[in-house]
Amino acid sequence: MEIRQEDSVAGLRKLVGPHDPYEAKQLNPQSLRATYGVNRVMNAVHCTDLAEDGPLECEYFFTILN
């Protein structure tokens, strides 16, 4: 899923939660990673860290891997 809006990275990262599901369960128990993450590798969802990386990551996931 590609999200385009003002401050999309911060909003999505709040929904997704911290990278480590254990940490997510402590800090944001309603987040996707707290709910569905297994460990730091299988953490349920990828979310870019930097807004500048968004276009490159979208190209990778939606063009190159396709």
N, C-alpha and C. Protein backbone atom coordinates (compact mmCIF):
# COMPACT_ATOMS: atom_id res chain seq x y z
N MET A 1 0.85 -1.16 0.00
CA MET A 1 0.00 0.00 0.00
C MET A 1 0.90 1.23 0.00
N GLU A 2 0.60 2.14 -0.84
CA GLU A 2 1.31 3.42 -0.89
C GLU A 2 0.36 4.50 -0.37
N ILE A 3 0.85 5.29 0.57
CA ILE A 3 0.03 6.35 1.16
C ILE A 3 0.65 7.69 0.79
N ARG A 4 -0.18 8.57 0.27
CA ARG A 4 0.27 9.92 -0.10
C ARG A 4 -0.58 10.94 0.63
N GLN A 5 0.02 11.66 1.54
CA GLN A 5 -0.65 12.73 2.27
C GLN A 5 0.40 13.52 3.02
N GLU A 6 0.01 14.66 3.56
CA GLU A 6 0.92 15.46 4.38
C GLU A 6 1.35 14.64 5.58
N ASP A 7 2.63 14.64 5.86
CA ASP A 7 3.19 13.97 7.03
C ASP A 7 2.77 12.51 7.11
N SER A 8 2.75 11.84 5.97
CA SER A 8 2.28 10.45 5.92
C SER A 8 3.19 9.49 6.69
N VAL A 9 4.49 9.75 6.71
CA VAL A 9 5.41 8.84 7.41
C VAL A 9 5.10 8.82 8.90
N ALA A 10 4.96 9.98 9.51
CA ALA A 10 4.68 10.03 10.95
C ALA A 10 3.34 9.39 11.28
N GLY A 11 2.32 9.66 10.48
CA GLY A 11 1.01 9.08 10.72
C GLY A 11 1.00 7.57 10.58
N LEU A 12 1.67 7.07 9.55
CA LEU A 12 1.72 5.63 9.34
C LEU A 12 2.56 4.96 10.41
N ARG A 13 3.66 5.57 10.78
CA ARG A 13 4.52 4.97 11.82
C ARG A 13 3.77 4.86 13.15
N LYS A 14 2.89 5.79 13.43
CA LYS A 14 2.09 5.70 14.66
C LYS A 14 1.16 4.49 14.58
N LEU A 15 0.53 4.28 13.43
CA LEU A 15 -0.36 3.14 13.23
C LEU A 15 0.42 1.83 13.27
N VAL A 16 1.59 1.82 12.67
CA VAL A 16 2.41 0.61 12.57
C VAL A 16 3.07 0.26 13.90
N GLY A 17 3.58 1.25 14.62
CA GLY A 17 4.25 1.01 15.89
C GLY A 17 5.75 0.81 15.73
N PRO A 18 6.46 0.67 16.84
CA PRO A 18 7.91 0.47 16.80
C PRO A 18 8.32 -0.78 16.03
N HIS A 19 9.55 -0.78 15.52
CA HIS A 19 10.08 -1.87 14.69
C HIS A 19 10.02 -3.22 15.41
N ASP A 20 10.35 -3.23 16.67
CA ASP A 20 10.37 -4.47 17.47
C ASP A 20 8.98 -4.73 18.06
N PRO A 21 8.34 -5.83 17.70
CA PRO A 21 7.00 -6.12 18.21
C PRO A 21 6.91 -6.15 19.74
N TYR A 22 7.96 -6.63 20.40
CA TYR A 22 7.96 -6.63 21.87
C TYR A 22 7.88 -5.20 22.39
N GLU A 23 8.71 -4.33 21.82
CA GLU A 23 8.69 -2.92 22.19
C GLU A 23 7.34 -2.28 21.84
N ALA A 24 6.80 -2.66 20.70
CA ALA A 24 5.50 -2.13 20.27
C ALA A 24 4.41 -2.50 21.28
N LYS A 25 4.46 -3.71 21.80
CA LYS A 25 3.46 -4.15 22.78
C LYS A 25 3.52 -3.31 24.05
N GLN A 26 4.72 -2.84 24.39
CA GLN A 26 4.88 -2.02 25.59
C GLN A 26 4.47 -0.57 25.35
N LEU A 27 4.88 -0.02 24.20
CA LEU A 27 4.69 1.41 23.93
C LEU A 27 3.41 1.75 23.18
N ASN A 28 2.96 0.85 22.32
CA ASN A 28 1.79 1.12 21.49
C ASN A 28 1.04 -0.19 21.25
N PRO A 29 0.37 -0.71 22.29
CA PRO A 29 -0.24 -2.04 22.20
C PRO A 29 -1.33 -2.20 21.15
N GLN A 30 -1.87 -1.11 20.63
CA GLN A 30 -2.90 -1.19 19.60
C GLN A 30 -2.32 -1.16 18.19
N SER A 31 -0.99 -1.04 18.08
CA SER A 31 -0.36 -0.92 16.76
C SER A 31 -0.37 -2.24 16.00
N LEU A 32 -0.15 -2.16 14.70
CA LEU A 32 -0.12 -3.35 13.85
C LEU A 32 0.99 -4.31 14.26
N ARG A 33 2.17 -3.77 14.56
CA ARG A 33 3.29 -4.65 14.94
C ARG A 33 3.06 -5.29 16.30
N ALA A 34 2.45 -4.58 17.22
CA ALA A 34 2.14 -5.18 18.52
C ALA A 34 1.14 -6.31 18.35
N THR A 35 0.20 -6.13 17.46
CA THR A 35 -0.86 -7.11 17.25
C THR A 35 -0.40 -8.30 16.41
N TYR A 36 0.33 -8.04 15.33
CA TYR A 36 0.63 -9.09 14.36
C TYR A 36 2.12 -9.46 14.25
N GLY A 37 3.01 -8.66 14.82
CA GLY A 37 4.44 -8.93 14.71
C GLY A 37 4.87 -10.12 15.53
N VAL A 38 5.86 -10.85 15.02
CA VAL A 38 6.40 -12.02 15.71
C VAL A 38 7.77 -11.70 16.31
N ASN A 39 8.63 -11.05 15.52
CA ASN A 39 9.96 -10.65 15.98
C ASN A 39 10.42 -9.48 15.11
N ARG A 40 11.68 -9.06 15.27
CA ARG A 40 12.17 -7.90 14.53
C ARG A 40 12.23 -8.14 13.02
N VAL A 41 12.36 -9.38 12.60
CA VAL A 41 12.40 -9.71 11.17
C VAL A 41 10.98 -9.87 10.62
N MET A 42 10.16 -10.60 11.34
CA MET A 42 8.77 -10.82 10.92
C MET A 42 7.88 -9.89 11.76
N ASN A 43 8.01 -8.59 11.47
CA ASN A 43 7.33 -7.60 12.30
C ASN A 43 6.01 -7.11 11.69
N ALA A 44 5.47 -7.87 10.77
CA ALA A 44 4.12 -7.68 10.22
C ALA A 44 4.01 -6.69 9.08
N VAL A 45 4.79 -5.62 9.07
CA VAL A 45 4.60 -4.60 8.04
C VAL A 45 5.87 -3.77 7.87
N HIS A 46 6.13 -3.35 6.63
CA HIS A 46 7.25 -2.46 6.36
C HIS A 46 6.74 -1.02 6.32
N CYS A 47 7.48 -0.15 6.92
CA CYS A 47 7.16 1.28 6.90
C CYS A 47 8.48 2.03 6.77
N THR A 48 8.57 2.92 5.80
CA THR A 48 9.81 3.66 5.61
C THR A 48 10.11 4.55 6.81
N ASP A 49 11.39 4.76 7.06
CA ASP A 49 11.81 5.61 8.17
C ASP A 49 11.86 7.08 7.78
N LEU A 50 12.13 7.34 6.52
CA LEU A 50 12.31 8.72 6.07
C LEU A 50 11.39 9.02 4.89
N ALA A 51 10.78 10.17 4.92
CA ALA A 51 9.90 10.56 3.81
C ALA A 51 10.65 10.56 2.48
N GLU A 52 11.94 10.89 2.52
CA GLU A 52 12.73 10.94 1.30
C GLU A 52 12.90 9.55 0.67
N ASP A 53 12.79 8.50 1.47
CA ASP A 53 12.95 7.14 0.97
C ASP A 53 11.67 6.60 0.33
N GLY A 54 10.55 7.23 0.58
CA GLY A 54 9.26 6.76 0.09
C GLY A 54 9.22 6.48 -1.40
N PRO A 55 9.58 7.44 -2.25
CA PRO A 55 9.52 7.19 -3.70
C PRO A 55 10.42 6.03 -4.14
N LEU A 56 11.61 5.93 -3.58
CA LEU A 56 12.52 4.85 -3.94
C LEU A 56 11.95 3.50 -3.51
N GLU A 57 11.41 3.43 -2.30
CA GLU A 57 10.84 2.18 -1.81
C GLU A 57 9.59 1.79 -2.58
N CYS A 58 8.78 2.76 -2.95
CA CYS A 58 7.60 2.46 -3.77
C CYS A 58 8.00 1.91 -5.12
N GLU A 59 9.03 2.49 -5.73
CA GLU A 59 9.52 1.97 -7.01
C GLU A 59 9.99 0.54 -6.86
N TYR A 60 10.70 0.25 -5.77
CA TYR A 60 11.20 -1.11 -5.53
C TYR A 60 10.03 -2.09 -5.38
N PHE A 61 9.10 -1.80 -4.49
CA PHE A 61 8.01 -2.73 -4.21
C PHE A 61 7.00 -2.86 -5.34
N PHE A 62 6.70 -1.74 -6.02
CA PHE A 62 5.61 -1.76 -6.99
C PHE A 62 6.07 -1.84 -8.45
N THR A 63 7.35 -1.63 -8.70
CA THR A 63 7.85 -1.72 -10.07
C THR A 63 8.89 -2.81 -10.23
N ILE A 64 9.95 -2.73 -9.46
CA ILE A 64 11.05 -3.68 -9.61
C ILE A 64 10.63 -5.10 -9.24
N LEU A 65 9.95 -5.27 -8.10
CA LEU A 65 9.54 -6.63 -7.70
C LEU A 65 8.41 -7.18 -8.57
N ASN A 66 7.69 -6.30 -9.23
CA ASN A 66 6.59 -6.72 -10.07
C ASN A 66 7.15 -7.38 -11.31
